[in-house]
Amino acid sequence: MVTAPFALMAVAVGASAHADHERRKATENITELSGNLHGDKRGEAPYPRSTSG
């Protein structure tokens, strides 16, 4: 049974890639929320205002 180790390795690689993707999304979310908090402390709008329109 040579295929079993390869199948397990594929599952592990997929799980690792998924975890990395989720970690990046969380980091981006934290960065955005942190920027919003800093904007609040400076008396600015919590979200970037649109310059068009």
PDB file of N, CA and C in Angstrom:
ATOM      1  N   MET A   1       0.826  -1.188   0.000  1.00  0.00           N
ATOM      2  CA  MET A   1       0.000   0.000   0.000  1.00  0.00           C
ATOM      3  C   MET A   1       0.872   1.254   0.000  1.00  0.00           C
ATOM      4  N   VAL A   2       1.270   1.666  -1.153  1.00  0.00           N
ATOM      5  CA  VAL A   2       2.103   2.853  -1.292  1.00  0.00           C
ATOM      6  C   VAL A   2       1.252   4.118  -1.348  1.00  0.00           C
ATOM      7  N   THR A   3       0.015   3.992  -1.777  1.00  0.00           N
ATOM      8  CA  THR A   3      -0.823   5.180  -1.961  1.00  0.00           C
ATOM      9  C   THR A   3      -1.305   5.794  -0.646  1.00  0.00           C
ATOM     10  N   ALA A   4      -1.407   5.020   0.409  1.00  0.00           N
ATOM     11  CA  ALA A   4      -1.914   5.540   1.685  1.00  0.00           C
ATOM     12  C   ALA A   4      -1.066   6.693   2.228  1.00  0.00           C
ATOM     13  N   PRO A   5       0.269   6.568   2.261  1.00  0.00           N
ATOM     14  CA  PRO A   5       1.065   7.696   2.761  1.00  0.00           C
ATOM     15  C   PRO A   5       0.890   8.962   1.904  1.00  0.00           C
ATOM     16  N   PHE A   6       0.771   8.780   0.587  1.00  0.00           N
ATOM     17  CA  PHE A   6       0.579   9.939  -0.284  1.00  0.00           C
ATOM     18  C   PHE A   6      -0.778  10.590  -0.055  1.00  0.00           C
ATOM     19  N   ALA A   7      -1.785   9.777   0.183  1.00  0.00           N
ATOM     20  CA  ALA A   7      -3.112  10.324   0.453  1.00  0.00           C
ATOM     21  C   ALA A   7      -3.110  11.100   1.768  1.00  0.00           C
ATOM     22  N   LEU A   8      -2.468  10.562   2.784  1.00  0.00           N
ATOM     23  CA  LEU A   8      -2.381  11.259   4.066  1.00  0.00           C
ATOM     24  C   LEU A   8      -1.584  12.557   3.937  1.00  0.00           C
ATOM     25  N   MET A   9      -0.518  12.516   3.134  1.00  0.00           N
ATOM     26  CA  MET A   9       0.275  13.717   2.928  1.00  0.00           C
ATOM     27  C   MET A   9      -0.556  14.781   2.207  1.00  0.00           C
ATOM     28  N   ALA A  10      -1.361  14.381   1.246  1.00  0.00           N
ATOM     29  CA  ALA A  10      -2.205  15.329   0.521  1.00  0.00           C
ATOM     30  C   ALA A  10      -3.225  15.974   1.456  1.00  0.00           C
ATOM     31  N   VAL A  11      -3.794  15.191   2.335  1.00  0.00           N
ATOM     32  CA  VAL A  11      -4.745  15.730   3.311  1.00  0.00           C
ATOM     33  C   VAL A  11      -4.041  16.720   4.244  1.00  0.00           C
ATOM     34  N   ALA A  12      -2.845  16.379   4.688  1.00  0.00           N
ATOM     35  CA  ALA A  12      -2.098  17.265   5.585  1.00  0.00           C
ATOM     36  C   ALA A  12      -1.735  18.573   4.883  1.00  0.00           C
ATOM     37  N   VAL A  13      -1.322  18.496   3.622  1.00  0.00           N
ATOM     38  CA  VAL A  13      -0.978  19.703   2.868  1.00  0.00           C
ATOM     39  C   VAL A  13      -2.215  20.574   2.681  1.00  0.00           C
ATOM     40  N   GLY A  14      -3.344  19.961   2.366  1.00  0.00           N
ATOM     41  CA  GLY A  14      -4.588  20.716   2.204  1.00  0.00           C
ATOM     42  C   GLY A  14      -5.016  21.391   3.498  1.00  0.00           C
ATOM     43  N   ALA A  15      -4.901  20.687   4.591  1.00  0.00           N
ATOM     44  CA  ALA A  15      -5.271  21.263   5.889  1.00  0.00           C
ATOM     45  C   ALA A  15      -4.341  22.419   6.256  1.00  0.00           C
ATOM     46  N   SER A  16      -3.073  22.268   5.966  1.00  0.00           N
ATOM     47  CA  SER A  16      -2.111  23.324   6.255  1.00  0.00           C
ATOM     48  C   SER A  16      -2.385  24.557   5.402  1.00  0.00           C
ATOM     49  N   ALA A  17      -2.689  24.356   4.132  1.00  0.00           N
ATOM     50  CA  ALA A  17      -2.996  25.478   3.242  1.00  0.00           C
ATOM     51  C   ALA A  17      -4.258  26.204   3.706  1.00  0.00           C
ATOM     52  N   HIS A  18      -5.253  25.446   4.133  1.00  0.00           N
ATOM     53  CA  HIS A  18      -6.495  26.051   4.619  1.00  0.00           C
ATOM     54  C   HIS A  18      -6.227  26.867   5.885  1.00  0.00           C
ATOM     55  N   ALA A  19      -5.450  26.312   6.800  1.00  0.00           N
ATOM     56  CA  ALA A  19      -5.126  27.020   8.040  1.00  0.00           C
ATOM     57  C   ALA A  19      -4.348  28.301   7.739  1.00  0.00           C
ATOM     58  N   ASP A  20      -3.425  28.251   6.792  1.00  0.00           N
ATOM     59  CA  ASP A  20      -2.655  29.434   6.416  1.00  0.00           C
ATOM     60  C   ASP A  20      -3.564  30.503   5.828  1.00  0.00           C
ATOM     61  N   HIS A  21      -4.510  30.101   4.996  1.00  0.00           N
ATOM     62  CA  HIS A  21      -5.457  31.038   4.393  1.00  0.00           C
ATOM     63  C   HIS A  21      -6.310  31.713   5.474  1.00  0.00           C
ATOM     64  N   GLU A  22      -6.807  30.928   6.407  1.00  0.00           N
ATOM     65  CA  GLU A  22      -7.626  31.476   7.488  1.00  0.00           C
ATOM     66  C   GLU A  22      -6.815  32.427   8.375  1.00  0.00           C
ATOM     67  N   ARG A  23      -5.556  32.082   8.615  1.00  0.00           N
ATOM     68  CA  ARG A  23      -4.679  32.925   9.430  1.00  0.00           C
ATOM     69  C   ARG A  23      -4.451  34.274   8.735  1.00  0.00           C
ATOM     70  N   ARG A  24      -4.256  34.242   7.425  1.00  0.00           N
ATOM     71  CA  ARG A  24      -4.069  35.493   6.679  1.00  0.00           C
ATOM     72  C   ARG A  24      -5.331  36.355   6.711  1.00  0.00           C
ATOM     73  N   LYS A  25      -6.493  35.721   6.560  1.00  0.00           N
ATOM     74  CA  LYS A  25      -7.746  36.477   6.622  1.00  0.00           C
ATOM     75  C   LYS A  25      -7.909  37.125   7.991  1.00  0.00           C
ATOM     76  N   ALA A  26      -7.588  36.392   9.048  1.00  0.00           N
ATOM     77  CA  ALA A  26      -7.711  36.919  10.401  1.00  0.00           C
ATOM     78  C   ALA A  26      -6.759  38.091  10.616  1.00  0.00           C
ATOM     79  N   THR A  27      -5.531  37.976  10.112  1.00  0.00           N
ATOM     80  CA  THR A  27      -4.558  39.053  10.245  1.00  0.00           C
ATOM     81  C   THR A  27      -5.028  40.305   9.518  1.00  0.00           C
ATOM     82  N   GLU A  28      -5.573  40.142   8.314  1.00  0.00           N
ATOM     83  CA  GLU A  28      -6.086  41.285   7.556  1.00  0.00           C
ATOM     84  C   GLU A  28      -7.256  41.940   8.303  1.00  0.00           C
ATOM     85  N   ASN A  29      -8.116  41.114   8.880  1.00  0.00           N
ATOM     86  CA  ASN A  29      -9.264  41.641   9.622  1.00  0.00           C
ATOM     87  C   ASN A  29      -8.803  42.422  10.847  1.00  0.00           C
ATOM     88  N   ILE A  30      -7.847  41.884  11.571  1.00  0.00           N
ATOM     89  CA  ILE A  30      -7.318  42.567  12.754  1.00  0.00           C
ATOM     90  C   ILE A  30      -6.672  43.883  12.351  1.00  0.00           C
ATOM     91  N   THR A  31      -5.921  43.878  11.253  1.00  0.00           N
ATOM     92  CA  THR A  31      -5.281  45.105  10.784  1.00  0.00           C
ATOM     93  C   THR A  31      -6.318  46.159  10.436  1.00  0.00           C
ATOM     94  N   GLU A  32      -7.372  45.753   9.757  1.00  0.00           N
ATOM     95  CA  GLU A  32      -8.427  46.692   9.385  1.00  0.00           C
ATOM     96  C   GLU A  32      -9.132  47.245  10.626  1.00  0.00           C
ATOM     97  N   LEU A  33      -9.473  46.363  11.554  1.00  0.00           N
ATOM     98  CA  LEU A  33     -10.143  46.815  12.770  1.00  0.00           C
ATOM     99  C   LEU A  33      -9.251  47.734  13.594  1.00  0.00           C
ATOM    100  N   SER A  34      -7.979  47.440  13.642  1.00  0.00           N
ATOM    101  CA  SER A  34      -7.037  48.286  14.365  1.00  0.00           C
ATOM    102  C   SER A  34      -6.982  49.673  13.734  1.00  0.00           C
ATOM    103  N   GLY A  35      -6.974  49.732  12.415  1.00  0.00           N
ATOM    104  CA  GLY A  35      -6.992  51.024  11.735  1.00  0.00           C
ATOM    105  C   GLY A  35      -8.254  51.794  12.041  1.00  0.00           C
ATOM    106  N   ASN A  36      -9.373  51.094  12.120  1.00  0.00           N
ATOM    107  CA  ASN A  36     -10.633  51.755  12.454  1.00  0.00           C
ATOM    108  C   ASN A  36     -10.587  52.332  13.866  1.00  0.00           C
ATOM    109  N   LEU A  37     -10.002  51.607  14.804  1.00  0.00           N
ATOM    110  CA  LEU A  37      -9.901  52.097  16.179  1.00  0.00           C
ATOM    111  C   LEU A  37      -9.008  53.327  16.257  1.00  0.00           C
ATOM    112  N   HIS A  38      -7.900  53.297  15.525  1.00  0.00           N
ATOM    113  CA  HIS A  38      -7.002  54.452  15.526  1.00  0.00           C
ATOM    114  C   HIS A  38      -7.703  55.666  14.932  1.00  0.00           C
ATOM    115  N   GLY A  39      -8.530  55.447  13.915  1.00  0.00           N
ATOM    116  CA  GLY A  39      -9.286  56.547  13.317  1.00  0.00           C
ATOM    117  C   GLY A  39     -10.259  57.136  14.319  1.00  0.00           C
ATOM    118  N   ASP A  40     -10.900  56.276  15.093  1.00  0.00           N
ATOM    119  CA  ASP A  40     -11.832  56.750  16.125  1.00  0.00           C
ATOM    120  C   ASP A  40     -11.117  57.608  17.164  1.00  0.00           C
ATOM    121  N   LYS A  41      -9.943  57.203  17.576  1.00  0.00           N
ATOM    122  CA  LYS A  41      -9.208  57.929  18.604  1.00  0.00           C
ATOM    123  C   LYS A  41      -8.774  59.305  18.110  1.00  0.00           C
ATOM    124  N   ARG A  42      -8.561  59.438  16.807  1.00  0.00           N
ATOM    125  CA  ARG A  42      -8.146  60.726  16.252  1.00  0.00           C
ATOM    126  C   ARG A  42      -9.349  61.588  15.873  1.00  0.00           C
ATOM    127  N   GLY A  43     -10.536  61.091  16.118  1.00  0.00           N
ATOM    128  CA  GLY A  43     -11.728  61.846  15.790  1.00  0.00           C
ATOM    129  C   GLY A  43     -12.117  61.744  14.329  1.00  0.00           C
ATOM    130  N   GLU A  44     -11.552  60.767  13.649  1.00  0.00           N
ATOM    131  CA  GLU A  44     -11.870  60.577  12.239  1.00  0.00           C
ATOM    132  C   GLU A  44     -12.989  59.558  12.105  1.00  0.00           C
ATOM    133  N   ALA A  45     -13.511  59.468  10.901  1.00  0.00           N
ATOM    134  CA  ALA A  45     -14.549  58.474  10.627  1.00  0.00           C
ATOM    135  C   ALA A  45     -13.936  57.084  10.771  1.00  0.00           C
ATOM    136  N   PRO A  46     -14.709  56.129  11.299  1.00  0.00           N
ATOM    137  CA  PRO A  46     -14.174  54.785  11.492  1.00  0.00           C
ATOM    138  C   PRO A  46     -13.921  54.043  10.194  1.00  0.00           C
ATOM    139  N   TYR A  47     -14.575  54.450   9.119  1.00  0.00           N
ATOM    140  CA  TYR A  47     -14.385  53.809   7.831  1.00  0.00           C
ATOM    141  C   TYR A  47     -13.925  54.850   6.835  1.00  0.00           C
ATOM    142  N   PRO A  48     -13.087  54.444   5.892  1.00  0.00           N
ATOM    143  CA  PRO A  48     -12.630  55.418   4.889  1.00  0.00           C
ATOM    144  C   PRO A  48     -13.825  56.009   4.123  1.00  0.00           C
ATOM    145  N   ARG A  49     -13.809  57.305   3.982  1.00  0.00           N
ATOM    146  CA  ARG A  49     -14.887  57.966   3.254  1.00  0.00           C
ATOM    147  C   ARG A  49     -14.589  57.926   1.771  1.00  0.00           C
ATOM    148  N   SER A  50     -15.626  57.784   1.004  1.00  0.00           N
ATOM    149  CA  SER A  50     -15.486  57.754  -0.447  1.00  0.00           C
ATOM    150  C   SER A  50     -15.203  59.165  -0.945  1.00  0.00           C
ATOM    151  N   THR A  51     -14.221  59.303  -1.832  1.00  0.00           N
ATOM    152  CA  THR A  51     -13.885  60.607  -2.386  1.00  0.00           C
ATOM    153  C   THR A  51     -14.629  60.855  -3.686  1.00  0.00           C
ATOM    154  N   SER A  52     -15.275  59.839  -4.220  1.00  0.00           N
ATOM    155  CA  SER A  52     -16.019  60.014  -5.464  1.00  0.00           C
ATOM    156  C   SER A  52     -17.467  60.337  -5.145  1.00  0.00           C
ATOM    157  N   GLY A  53     -18.075  61.054  -6.052  1.00  0.00           N
ATOM    158  CA  GLY A  53     -19.490  61.174  -5.930  1.00  0.00           C
ATOM    159  C   GLY A  53     -20.084  62.384  -5.486  1.00  0.00           C
TER     160      GLY A  53
END
